Structures are given as structure tokens and as C-alpha cells.
PDB file of all heavy atoms in Angstrom:
ATOM      1  N   LYS A   1       0.781  -1.220  -0.033  1.00  0.00           N
ATOM      2  CA  LYS A   1       0.016  -0.010   0.020  1.00  0.00           C
ATOM      3  C   LYS A   1       0.863   1.265   0.017  1.00  0.00           C
ATOM      4  O   LYS A   1       1.989   1.266   0.504  1.00  0.00           O
ATOM      5  CB  LYS A   1      -0.892   0.051   1.242  1.00  0.00           C
ATOM      6  CG  LYS A   1      -1.925  -1.171   1.240  1.00  0.00           C
ATOM      7  CD  LYS A   1      -2.825  -1.078   2.430  1.00  0.00           C
ATOM      8  CE  LYS A   1      -3.794  -2.216   2.373  1.00  0.00           C
ATOM      9  NZ  LYS A   1      -4.722  -2.188   3.507  1.00  0.00           N
ATOM     10  N   SER A   2       0.325   2.266  -0.592  1.00  0.00           N
ATOM     11  CA  SER A   2       1.029   3.556  -0.628  1.00  0.00           C
ATOM     12  C   SER A   2       0.200   4.659   0.082  1.00  0.00           C
ATOM     13  O   SER A   2       0.681   5.777   0.083  1.00  0.00           O
ATOM     14  CB  SER A   2       1.332   3.981  -2.067  1.00  0.00           C
ATOM     15  OG  SER A   2       0.146   4.136  -2.775  1.00  0.00           O
ATOM     16  N   GLU A   3      -0.925   4.312   0.645  1.00  0.00           N
ATOM     17  CA  GLU A   3      -1.732   5.271   1.341  1.00  0.00           C
ATOM     18  C   GLU A   3      -1.027   5.723   2.643  1.00  0.00           C
ATOM     19  O   GLU A   3      -0.421   4.863   3.322  1.00  0.00           O
ATOM     20  CB  GLU A   3      -3.099   4.777   1.655  1.00  0.00           C
ATOM     21  CG  GLU A   3      -3.999   4.489   0.463  1.00  0.00           C
ATOM     22  CD  GLU A   3      -3.704   3.129  -0.092  1.00  0.00           C
ATOM     23  OE1 GLU A   3      -3.214   2.213   0.578  1.00  0.00           O
ATOM     24  OE2 GLU A   3      -3.990   2.936  -1.273  1.00  0.00           O
ATOM     25  N   LEU A   4      -1.192   6.942   2.990  1.00  0.00           N
ATOM     26  CA  LEU A   4      -0.582   7.455   4.222  1.00  0.00           C
ATOM     27  C   LEU A   4      -1.330   6.830   5.434  1.00  0.00           C
ATOM     28  O   LEU A   4      -2.563   6.702   5.429  1.00  0.00           O
ATOM     29  CB  LEU A   4      -0.647   8.996   4.320  1.00  0.00           C
ATOM     30  CG  LEU A   4       0.112   9.741   3.230  1.00  0.00           C
ATOM     31  CD1 LEU A   4      -0.159  11.183   3.320  1.00  0.00           C
ATOM     32  CD2 LEU A   4       1.610   9.389   3.373  1.00  0.00           C
ATOM     33  N   LEU A   5      -0.596   6.482   6.458  1.00  0.00           N
ATOM     34  CA  LEU A   5      -1.193   5.961   7.689  1.00  0.00           C
ATOM     35  C   LEU A   5      -1.660   7.089   8.532  1.00  0.00           C
ATOM     36  O   LEU A   5      -1.038   8.203   8.652  1.00  0.00           O
ATOM     37  CB  LEU A   5      -0.143   5.181   8.447  1.00  0.00           C
ATOM     38  CG  LEU A   5       0.407   3.960   7.729  1.00  0.00           C
ATOM     39  CD1 LEU A   5       1.521   3.310   8.574  1.00  0.00           C
ATOM     40  CD2 LEU A   5      -0.674   2.930   7.456  1.00  0.00           C
ATOM     41  N   THR A   6      -2.755   6.941   9.233  1.00  0.00           N
ATOM     42  CA  THR A   6      -3.304   7.985  10.097  1.00  0.00           C
ATOM     43  C   THR A   6      -2.274   8.457  11.108  1.00  0.00           C
ATOM     44  O   THR A   6      -2.178   9.676  11.340  1.00  0.00           O
ATOM     45  CB  THR A   6      -4.559   7.404  10.839  1.00  0.00           C
ATOM     46  OG1 THR A   6      -5.492   6.988   9.902  1.00  0.00           O
ATOM     47  CG2 THR A   6      -5.185   8.474  11.744  1.00  0.00           C
ATOM     48  N   GLU A   7      -1.487   7.577  11.634  1.00  0.00           N
ATOM     49  CA  GLU A   7      -0.514   7.980  12.632  1.00  0.00           C
ATOM     50  C   GLU A   7       0.637   8.839  12.003  1.00  0.00           C
ATOM     51  O   GLU A   7       1.465   9.395  12.751  1.00  0.00           O
ATOM     52  CB  GLU A   7       0.043   6.725  13.389  1.00  0.00           C
ATOM     53  CG  GLU A   7       0.612   5.628  12.511  1.00  0.00           C
ATOM     54  CD  GLU A   7      -0.361   4.572  12.234  1.00  0.00           C
ATOM     55  OE1 GLU A   7      -1.552   4.771  12.179  1.00  0.00           O
ATOM     56  OE2 GLU A   7       0.153   3.433  11.898  1.00  0.00           O
ATOM     57  N   SER A   8       0.734   8.887  10.704  1.00  0.00           N
ATOM     58  CA  SER A   8       1.749   9.647  10.026  1.00  0.00           C
ATOM     59  C   SER A   8       1.444  11.140   9.982  1.00  0.00           C
ATOM     60  O   SER A   8       2.357  12.003   9.830  1.00  0.00           O
ATOM     61  CB  SER A   8       1.978   9.104   8.603  1.00  0.00           C
ATOM     62  OG  SER A   8       2.408   7.801   8.667  1.00  0.00           O
ATOM     63  N   PHE A   9       0.172  11.474  10.061  1.00  0.00           N
ATOM     64  CA  PHE A   9      -0.245  12.903   9.850  1.00  0.00           C
ATOM     65  C   PHE A   9       0.326  13.854  10.892  1.00  0.00           C
ATOM     66  O   PHE A   9       0.722  14.971  10.542  1.00  0.00           O
ATOM     67  CB  PHE A   9      -1.777  13.040   9.864  1.00  0.00           C
ATOM     68  CG  PHE A   9      -2.417  12.348   8.648  1.00  0.00           C
ATOM     69  CD1 PHE A   9      -3.392  11.387   8.787  1.00  0.00           C
ATOM     70  CD2 PHE A   9      -2.055  12.713   7.350  1.00  0.00           C
ATOM     71  CE1 PHE A   9      -3.907  10.832   7.651  1.00  0.00           C
ATOM     72  CE2 PHE A   9      -2.538  12.110   6.222  1.00  0.00           C
ATOM     73  CZ  PHE A   9      -3.471  11.145   6.358  1.00  0.00           C
ATOM     74  N   THR A  10       0.520  13.376  12.139  1.00  0.00           N
ATOM     75  CA  THR A  10       1.132  14.329  13.119  1.00  0.00           C
ATOM     76  C   THR A  10       2.545  14.750  12.637  1.00  0.00           C
ATOM     77  O   THR A  10       2.873  15.906  12.699  1.00  0.00           O
ATOM     78  CB  THR A  10       1.173  13.597  14.458  1.00  0.00           C
ATOM     79  OG1 THR A  10      -0.149  13.304  14.836  1.00  0.00           O
ATOM     80  CG2 THR A  10       1.802  14.527  15.553  1.00  0.00           C
ATOM     81  N   GLU A  11       3.309  13.761  12.283  1.00  0.00           N
ATOM     82  CA  GLU A  11       4.739  14.104  11.838  1.00  0.00           C
ATOM     83  C   GLU A  11       4.705  14.849  10.569  1.00  0.00           C
ATOM     84  O   GLU A  11       5.520  15.757  10.351  1.00  0.00           O
ATOM     85  CB  GLU A  11       5.539  12.811  11.726  1.00  0.00           C
ATOM     86  CG  GLU A  11       5.802  12.061  13.018  1.00  0.00           C
ATOM     87  CD  GLU A  11       6.462  12.983  14.078  1.00  0.00           C
ATOM     88  OE1 GLU A  11       7.439  13.707  13.741  1.00  0.00           O
ATOM     89  OE2 GLU A  11       6.033  12.988  15.262  1.00  0.00           O
ATOM     90  N   LEU A  12       3.851  14.512   9.644  1.00  0.00           N
ATOM     91  CA  LEU A  12       3.790  15.223   8.379  1.00  0.00           C
ATOM     92  C   LEU A  12       3.388  16.683   8.587  1.00  0.00           C
ATOM     93  O   LEU A  12       3.916  17.562   7.891  1.00  0.00           O
ATOM     94  CB  LEU A  12       2.820  14.505   7.354  1.00  0.00           C
ATOM     95  CG  LEU A  12       3.383  13.208   6.815  1.00  0.00           C
ATOM     96  CD1 LEU A  12       2.283  12.475   6.011  1.00  0.00           C
ATOM     97  CD2 LEU A  12       4.673  13.428   5.997  1.00  0.00           C
ATOM     98  N   ASN A  13       2.485  16.909   9.491  1.00  0.00           N
ATOM     99  CA  ASN A  13       2.049  18.290   9.746  1.00  0.00           C
ATOM    100  C   ASN A  13       3.198  19.063  10.419  1.00  0.00           C
ATOM    101  O   ASN A  13       3.294  20.283  10.152  1.00  0.00           O
ATOM    102  CB  ASN A  13       0.828  18.331  10.574  1.00  0.00           C
ATOM    103  CG  ASN A  13      -0.427  17.838   9.831  1.00  0.00           C
ATOM    104  OD1 ASN A  13      -0.468  18.016   8.573  1.00  0.00           O
ATOM    105  ND2 ASN A  13      -1.392  17.296  10.511  1.00  0.00           N
ATOM    106  N   LYS A  14       4.038  18.458  11.223  1.00  0.00           N
ATOM    107  CA  LYS A  14       5.240  19.075  11.788  1.00  0.00           C
ATOM    108  C   LYS A  14       6.145  19.424  10.605  1.00  0.00           C
ATOM    109  O   LYS A  14       6.753  20.560  10.613  1.00  0.00           O
ATOM    110  CB  LYS A  14       5.934  18.141  12.749  1.00  0.00           C
ATOM    111  CG  LYS A  14       5.264  17.986  14.027  1.00  0.00           C
ATOM    112  CD  LYS A  14       6.008  17.036  14.986  1.00  0.00           C
ATOM    113  CE  LYS A  14       5.240  16.703  16.230  1.00  0.00           C
ATOM    114  NZ  LYS A  14       5.971  15.736  17.051  1.00  0.00           N
ATOM    115  N   LEU A  15       6.272  18.550   9.648  1.00  0.00           N
ATOM    116  CA  LEU A  15       7.183  18.817   8.455  1.00  0.00           C
ATOM    117  C   LEU A  15       6.596  19.998   7.615  1.00  0.00           C
ATOM    118  O   LEU A  15       7.305  20.918   7.259  1.00  0.00           O
ATOM    119  CB  LEU A  15       7.248  17.576   7.608  1.00  0.00           C
ATOM    120  CG  LEU A  15       8.096  17.685   6.359  1.00  0.00           C
ATOM    121  CD1 LEU A  15       9.524  18.112   6.633  1.00  0.00           C
ATOM    122  CD2 LEU A  15       8.065  16.315   5.613  1.00  0.00           C
ATOM    123  N   VAL A  16       5.250  20.020   7.498  1.00  0.00           N
ATOM    124  CA  VAL A  16       4.651  21.129   6.756  1.00  0.00           C
ATOM    125  C   VAL A  16       4.947  22.467   7.534  1.00  0.00           C
ATOM    126  O   VAL A  16       5.344  23.485   6.906  1.00  0.00           O
ATOM    127  CB  VAL A  16       3.113  20.962   6.682  1.00  0.00           C
ATOM    128  CG1 VAL A  16       2.402  22.208   6.191  1.00  0.00           C
ATOM    129  CG2 VAL A  16       2.779  19.771   5.777  1.00  0.00           C
ATOM    130  N   GLN A  17       4.778  22.519   8.800  1.00  0.00           N
ATOM    131  CA  GLN A  17       5.059  23.686   9.587  1.00  0.00           C
ATOM    132  C   GLN A  17       6.507  24.087   9.443  1.00  0.00           C
ATOM    133  O   GLN A  17       6.900  25.262   9.226  1.00  0.00           O
ATOM    134  CB  GLN A  17       4.775  23.503  11.069  1.00  0.00           C
ATOM    135  CG  GLN A  17       5.045  24.656  11.933  1.00  0.00           C
ATOM    136  CD  GLN A  17       4.696  24.490  13.421  1.00  0.00           C
ATOM    137  OE1 GLN A  17       4.066  23.408  13.765  1.00  0.00           O
ATOM    138  NE2 GLN A  17       4.994  25.390  14.236  1.00  0.00           N
ATOM    139  N   PHE A  18       7.512  23.128   9.504  1.00  0.00           N
ATOM    140  CA  PHE A  18       8.900  23.442   9.333  1.00  0.00           C
ATOM    141  C   PHE A  18       9.138  24.033   7.928  1.00  0.00           C
ATOM    142  O   PHE A  18       9.809  24.987   7.804  1.00  0.00           O
ATOM    143  CB  PHE A  18       9.748  22.134   9.473  1.00  0.00           C
ATOM    144  CG  PHE A  18      11.159  22.324   9.154  1.00  0.00           C
ATOM    145  CD1 PHE A  18      12.031  22.869  10.127  1.00  0.00           C
ATOM    146  CD2 PHE A  18      11.684  22.048   7.919  1.00  0.00           C
ATOM    147  CE1 PHE A  18      13.391  23.081   9.788  1.00  0.00           C
ATOM    148  CE2 PHE A  18      13.013  22.255   7.574  1.00  0.00           C
ATOM    149  CZ  PHE A  18      13.892  22.786   8.570  1.00  0.00           C
ATOM    150  N   LEU A  19       8.569  23.444   6.893  1.00  0.00           N
ATOM    151  CA  LEU A  19       8.782  23.984   5.554  1.00  0.00           C
ATOM    152  C   LEU A  19       8.159  25.373   5.337  1.00  0.00           C
ATOM    153  O   LEU A  19       8.737  26.175   4.664  1.00  0.00           O
ATOM    154  CB  LEU A  19       8.224  22.934   4.483  1.00  0.00           C
ATOM    155  CG  LEU A  19       9.038  21.631   4.416  1.00  0.00           C
ATOM    156  CD1 LEU A  19       8.225  20.679   3.582  1.00  0.00           C
ATOM    157  CD2 LEU A  19      10.366  21.929   3.806  1.00  0.00           C
ATOM    158  N   ASN A  20       7.019  25.582   5.988  1.00  0.00           N
ATOM    159  CA  ASN A  20       6.414  26.864   5.975  1.00  0.00           C
ATOM    160  C   ASN A  20       7.322  27.968   6.660  1.00  0.00           C
ATOM    161  O   ASN A  20       7.306  29.137   6.248  1.00  0.00           O
ATOM    162  CB  ASN A  20       5.043  26.949   6.564  1.00  0.00           C
ATOM    163  CG  ASN A  20       4.013  26.364   5.599  1.00  0.00           C
ATOM    164  OD1 ASN A  20       4.097  26.487   4.382  1.00  0.00           O
ATOM    165  ND2 ASN A  20       2.922  25.762   6.176  1.00  0.00           N
ATOM    166  N   GLU A  21       8.025  27.544   7.683  1.00  0.00           N
ATOM    167  CA  GLU A  21       8.833  28.475   8.444  1.00  0.00           C
ATOM    168  C   GLU A  21      10.209  28.668   7.722  1.00  0.00           C
ATOM    169  O   GLU A  21      10.945  29.592   8.077  1.00  0.00           O
ATOM    170  CB  GLU A  21       9.010  28.003   9.856  1.00  0.00           C
ATOM    171  CG  GLU A  21       7.802  28.017  10.679  1.00  0.00           C
ATOM    172  CD  GLU A  21       7.866  27.343  12.023  1.00  0.00           C
ATOM    173  OE1 GLU A  21       8.909  26.692  12.277  1.00  0.00           O
ATOM    174  OE2 GLU A  21       6.912  27.397  12.798  1.00  0.00           O
ATOM    175  N   ASN A  22      10.571  27.785   6.843  1.00  0.00           N
ATOM    176  CA  ASN A  22      11.856  27.808   6.175  1.00  0.00           C
ATOM    177  C   ASN A  22      11.655  27.742   4.694  1.00  0.00           C
ATOM    178  O   ASN A  22      11.849  26.730   4.010  1.00  0.00           O
ATOM    179  CB  ASN A  22      12.722  26.602   6.631  1.00  0.00           C
ATOM    180  CG  ASN A  22      12.984  26.657   8.142  1.00  0.00           C
ATOM    181  OD1 ASN A  22      13.918  27.325   8.532  1.00  0.00           O
ATOM    182  ND2 ASN A  22      12.233  26.010   8.939  1.00  0.00           N
ATOM    183  N   ILE A  23      11.284  28.913   4.072  1.00  0.00           N
ATOM    184  CA  ILE A  23      10.770  28.971   2.782  1.00  0.00           C
ATOM    185  C   ILE A  23      11.824  28.666   1.695  1.00  0.00           C
ATOM    186  O   ILE A  23      11.476  28.415   0.530  1.00  0.00           O
ATOM    187  CB  ILE A  23      10.048  30.281   2.452  1.00  0.00           C
ATOM    188  CG1 ILE A  23      10.972  31.429   2.671  1.00  0.00           C
ATOM    189  CG2 ILE A  23       8.736  30.418   3.345  1.00  0.00           C
ATOM    190  CD1 ILE A  23      10.387  32.761   2.255  1.00  0.00           C
ATOM    191  N   ASN A  24      13.068  28.734   2.019  1.00  0.00           N
ATOM    192  CA  ASN A  24      14.141  28.461   1.075  1.00  0.00           C
ATOM    193  C   ASN A  24      14.570  26.921   1.156  1.00  0.00           C
ATOM    194  O   ASN A  24      15.559  26.552   0.449  1.00  0.00           O
ATOM    195  CB  ASN A  24      15.351  29.360   1.244  1.00  0.00           C
ATOM    196  CG  ASN A  24      14.962  30.750   0.916  1.00  0.00           C
ATOM    197  OD1 ASN A  24      14.255  31.026  -0.045  1.00  0.00           O
ATOM    198  ND2 ASN A  24      15.498  31.692   1.649  1.00  0.00           N
ATOM    199  N   THR A  25      13.913  26.173   1.929  1.00  0.00           N
ATOM    200  CA  THR A  25      14.270  24.814   2.089  1.00  0.00           C
ATOM    201  C   THR A  25      13.536  23.908   1.141  1.00  0.00           C
ATOM    202  O   THR A  25      12.311  24.088   0.818  1.00  0.00           O
ATOM    203  CB  THR A  25      13.929  24.308   3.514  1.00  0.00           C
ATOM    204  OG1 THR A  25      14.676  25.130   4.466  1.00  0.00           O
ATOM    205  CG2 THR A  25      14.199  22.895   3.769  1.00  0.00           C
ATOM    206  N   THR A  26      14.215  22.934   0.516  1.00  0.00           N
ATOM    207  CA  THR A  26      13.618  21.960  -0.350  1.00  0.00           C
ATOM    208  C   THR A  26      13.697  20.581   0.383  1.00  0.00           C
ATOM    209  O   THR A  26      14.482  20.452   1.375  1.00  0.00           O
ATOM    210  CB  THR A  26      14.285  21.888  -1.712  1.00  0.00           C
ATOM    211  OG1 THR A  26      15.673  21.570  -1.479  1.00  0.00           O
ATOM    212  CG2 THR A  26      14.193  23.174  -2.405  1.00  0.00           C
ATOM    213  N   ILE A  27      13.041  19.637  -0.137  1.00  0.00           N
ATOM    214  CA  ILE A  27      12.928  18.338   0.481  1.00  0.00           C
ATOM    215  C   ILE A  27      13.039  17.259  -0.603  1.00  0.00           C
ATOM    216  O   ILE A  27      12.527  17.338  -1.701  1.00  0.00           O
ATOM    217  CB  ILE A  27      11.714  18.179   1.372  1.00  0.00           C
ATOM    218  CG1 ILE A  27      11.756  16.874   2.144  1.00  0.00           C
ATOM    219  CG2 ILE A  27      10.458  18.266   0.543  1.00  0.00           C
ATOM    220  CD1 ILE A  27      10.675  16.832   3.259  1.00  0.00           C
ATOM    221  N   LEU A  28      13.771  16.165  -0.259  1.00  0.00           N
ATOM    222  CA  LEU A  28      13.817  14.971  -1.066  1.00  0.00           C
ATOM    223  C   LEU A  28      13.201  13.879  -0.316  1.00  0.00           C
ATOM    224  O   LEU A  28      13.628  13.554   0.790  1.00  0.00           O
ATOM    225  CB  LEU A  28      15.274  14.627  -1.434  1.00  0.00           C
ATOM    226  CG  LEU A  28      15.496  13.273  -2.130  1.00  0.00           C
ATOM    227  CD1 LEU A  28      14.730  13.187  -3.449  1.00  0.00           C
ATOM    228  CD2 LEU A  28      16.964  12.979  -2.303  1.00  0.00           C
ATOM    229  N   ILE A  29      12.178  13.322  -0.824  1.00  0.00           N
ATOM    230  CA  ILE A  29      11.413  12.202  -0.227  1.00  0.00           C
ATOM    231  C   ILE A  29      11.818  10.862  -0.892  1.00  0.00           C
ATOM    232  O   ILE A  29      11.739  10.791  -2.107  1.00  0.00           O
ATOM    233  CB  ILE A  29       9.933  12.428  -0.335  1.00  0.00           C
ATOM    234  CG1 ILE A  29       9.522  13.830   0.242  1.00  0.00           C
ATOM    235  CG2 ILE A  29       9.156  11.347   0.340  1.00  0.00           C
ATOM    236  CD1 ILE A  29       8.228  14.341  -0.174  1.00  0.00           C
ATOM    237  N   SER A  30      12.234   9.910  -0.126  1.00  0.00           N
ATOM    238  CA  SER A  30      12.562   8.620  -0.684  1.00  0.00           C
ATOM    239  C   SER A  30      11.711   7.516  -0.103  1.00  0.00           C
ATOM    240  O   SER A  30      11.492   7.420   1.122  1.00  0.00           O
ATOM    241  CB  SER A  30      14.042   8.325  -0.413  1.00  0.00           C
ATOM    242  OG  SER A  30      14.332   8.297   0.926  1.00  0.00           O
ATOM    243  N   GLY A  31      11.123   6.754  -1.010  1.00  0.00           N
ATOM    244  CA  GLY A  31      10.285   5.637  -0.663  1.00  0.00           C
ATOM    245  C   GLY A  31      11.042   4.336  -0.691  1.00  0.00           C
ATOM    246  O   GLY A  31      11.976   4.179  -1.524  1.00  0.00           O
ATOM    247  N   HIS A  32      10.696   3.376   0.184  1.00  0.00           N
ATOM    248  CA  HIS A  32      11.469   2.109   0.247  1.00  0.00           C
ATOM    249  C   HIS A  32      10.434   0.954   0.544  1.00  0.00           C
ATOM    250  O   HIS A  32       9.331   1.189   1.075  1.00  0.00           O
ATOM    251  CB  HIS A  32      12.466   2.139   1.405  1.00  0.00           C
ATOM    252  CG  HIS A  32      13.422   3.295   1.283  1.00  0.00           C
ATOM    253  ND1 HIS A  32      14.593   3.240   0.576  1.00  0.00           N
ATOM    254  CD2 HIS A  32      13.305   4.561   1.818  1.00  0.00           C
ATOM    255  CE1 HIS A  32      15.189   4.351   0.668  1.00  0.00           C
ATOM    256  NE2 HIS A  32      14.449   5.145   1.380  1.00  0.00           N
ATOM    257  N   THR A  33      10.895  -0.264   0.207  1.00  0.00           N
ATOM    258  CA  THR A  33      10.067  -1.470   0.462  1.00  0.00           C
ATOM    259  C   THR A  33      10.981  -2.509   1.040  1.00  0.00           C
ATOM    260  O   THR A  33      12.178  -2.388   1.118  1.00  0.00           O
ATOM    261  CB  THR A  33       9.453  -1.986  -0.892  1.00  0.00           C
ATOM    262  OG1 THR A  33      10.581  -2.487  -1.729  1.00  0.00           O
ATOM    263  CG2 THR A  33       8.626  -1.070  -1.664  1.00  0.00           C
ATOM    264  N   ASP A  34      10.304  -3.599   1.495  1.00  0.00           N
ATOM    265  CA  ASP A  34      11.051  -4.788   1.902  1.00  0.00           C
ATOM    266  C   ASP A  34      11.382  -5.510   0.536  1.00  0.00           C
ATOM    267  O   ASP A  34      11.129  -5.067  -0.526  1.00  0.00           O
ATOM    268  CB  ASP A  34      10.305  -5.638   2.853  1.00  0.00           C
ATOM    269  CG  ASP A  34       8.980  -6.161   2.310  1.00  0.00           C
ATOM    270  OD1 ASP A  34       8.813  -6.411   1.102  1.00  0.00           O
ATOM    271  OD2 ASP A  34       8.016  -6.333   3.125  1.00  0.00           O
ATOM    272  N   ASN A  35      11.953  -6.757   0.695  1.00  0.00           N
ATOM    273  CA  ASN A  35      12.361  -7.436  -0.516  1.00  0.00           C
ATOM    274  C   ASN A  35      11.355  -8.474  -1.029  1.00  0.00           C
ATOM    275  O   ASN A  35      11.694  -9.324  -1.841  1.00  0.00           O
ATOM    276  CB  ASN A  35      13.733  -8.105  -0.272  1.00  0.00           C
ATOM    277  CG  ASN A  35      13.665  -9.225   0.803  1.00  0.00           C
ATOM    278  OD1 ASN A  35      12.731  -9.384   1.439  1.00  0.00           O
ATOM    279  ND2 ASN A  35      14.790  -9.980   0.837  1.00  0.00           N
ATOM    280  N   THR A  36      10.220  -8.410  -0.471  1.00  0.00           N
ATOM    281  CA  THR A  36       9.120  -9.322  -0.927  1.00  0.00           C
ATOM    282  C   THR A  36       8.600  -8.913  -2.328  1.00  0.00           C
ATOM    283  O   THR A  36       8.384  -7.764  -2.566  1.00  0.00           O
ATOM    284  CB  THR A  36       7.928  -9.324   0.036  1.00  0.00           C
ATOM    285  OG1 THR A  36       8.441  -9.619   1.326  1.00  0.00           O
ATOM    286  CG2 THR A  36       6.831 -10.309  -0.347  1.00  0.00           C
ATOM    287  N   GLY A  37       8.479  -9.864  -3.242  1.00  0.00           N
ATOM    288  CA  GLY A  37       7.970  -9.597  -4.604  1.00  0.00           C
ATOM    289  C   GLY A  37       9.088  -9.264  -5.524  1.00  0.00           C
ATOM    290  O   GLY A  37      10.282  -9.305  -5.241  1.00  0.00           O
ATOM    291  N   LYS A  38       8.645  -8.848  -6.779  1.00  0.00           N
ATOM    292  CA  LYS A  38       9.610  -8.533  -7.792  1.00  0.00           C
ATOM    293  C   LYS A  38      10.139  -7.037  -7.610  1.00  0.00           C
ATOM    294  O   LYS A  38       9.355  -6.206  -7.190  1.00  0.00           O
ATOM    295  CB  LYS A  38       8.939  -8.653  -9.159  1.00  0.00           C
ATOM    296  CG  LYS A  38       8.518 -10.091  -9.446  1.00  0.00           C
ATOM    297  CD  LYS A  38       7.847 -10.205 -10.765  1.00  0.00           C
ATOM    298  CE  LYS A  38       7.494 -11.675 -10.997  1.00  0.00           C
ATOM    299  NZ  LYS A  38       6.894 -11.937 -12.333  1.00  0.00           N
ATOM    300  N   GLU A  39      11.365  -6.913  -7.939  1.00  0.00           N
ATOM    301  CA  GLU A  39      11.985  -5.574  -7.711  1.00  0.00           C
ATOM    302  C   GLU A  39      11.270  -4.439  -8.568  1.00  0.00           C
ATOM    303  O   GLU A  39      11.180  -3.341  -8.095  1.00  0.00           O
ATOM    304  CB  GLU A  39      13.505  -5.678  -8.099  1.00  0.00           C
ATOM    305  CG  GLU A  39      14.209  -4.312  -7.816  1.00  0.00           C
ATOM    306  CD  GLU A  39      13.965  -3.830  -6.360  1.00  0.00           C
ATOM    307  OE1 GLU A  39      13.869  -4.669  -5.415  1.00  0.00           O
ATOM    308  OE2 GLU A  39      14.000  -2.585  -6.148  1.00  0.00           O
ATOM    309  N   ALA A  40      10.839  -4.776  -9.762  1.00  0.00           N
ATOM    310  CA  ALA A  40      10.128  -3.750 -10.562  1.00  0.00           C
ATOM    311  C   ALA A  40       8.866  -3.283  -9.857  1.00  0.00           C
ATOM    312  O   ALA A  40       8.586  -2.080  -9.783  1.00  0.00           O
ATOM    313  CB  ALA A  40       9.805  -4.294 -11.958  1.00  0.00           C
ATOM    314  N   GLN A  41       8.160  -4.232  -9.250  1.00  0.00           N
ATOM    315  CA  GLN A  41       6.972  -3.837  -8.494  1.00  0.00           C
ATOM    316  C   GLN A  41       7.300  -3.110  -7.177  1.00  0.00           C
ATOM    317  O   GLN A  41       6.616  -2.101  -6.893  1.00  0.00           O
ATOM    318  CB  GLN A  41       6.167  -5.095  -8.154  1.00  0.00           C
ATOM    319  CG  GLN A  41       5.560  -5.793  -9.347  1.00  0.00           C
ATOM    320  CD  GLN A  41       4.991  -7.156  -8.971  1.00  0.00           C
ATOM    321  OE1 GLN A  41       5.573  -7.875  -8.195  1.00  0.00           O
ATOM    322  NE2 GLN A  41       3.845  -7.469  -9.571  1.00  0.00           N
TER     323      GLN A  41
END
């Protein structure tokens, strides 16, 4: 699944606040998985 977890919103909202307070800041978001399944998937 790629949907955000309810428990993630608190931290994400902290990140939003940080980014709003630091307008010259950019962010690189990296997604990861375990090794179950095919690598392309």
C-alpha cells in the first residue's frame, strides 16, 4: 500500500510547519520497500 497511515499525519504536519517556516528549504522524499515480490513492482 502507498496510502498514508493515520499515525503519520502528526509528523507530516510538523514537516509542513517546518517547511512553511523555512521557505528556502527543499525536500527529497525517498520511498522504500522490503524485498518481498519482484523488484520492478
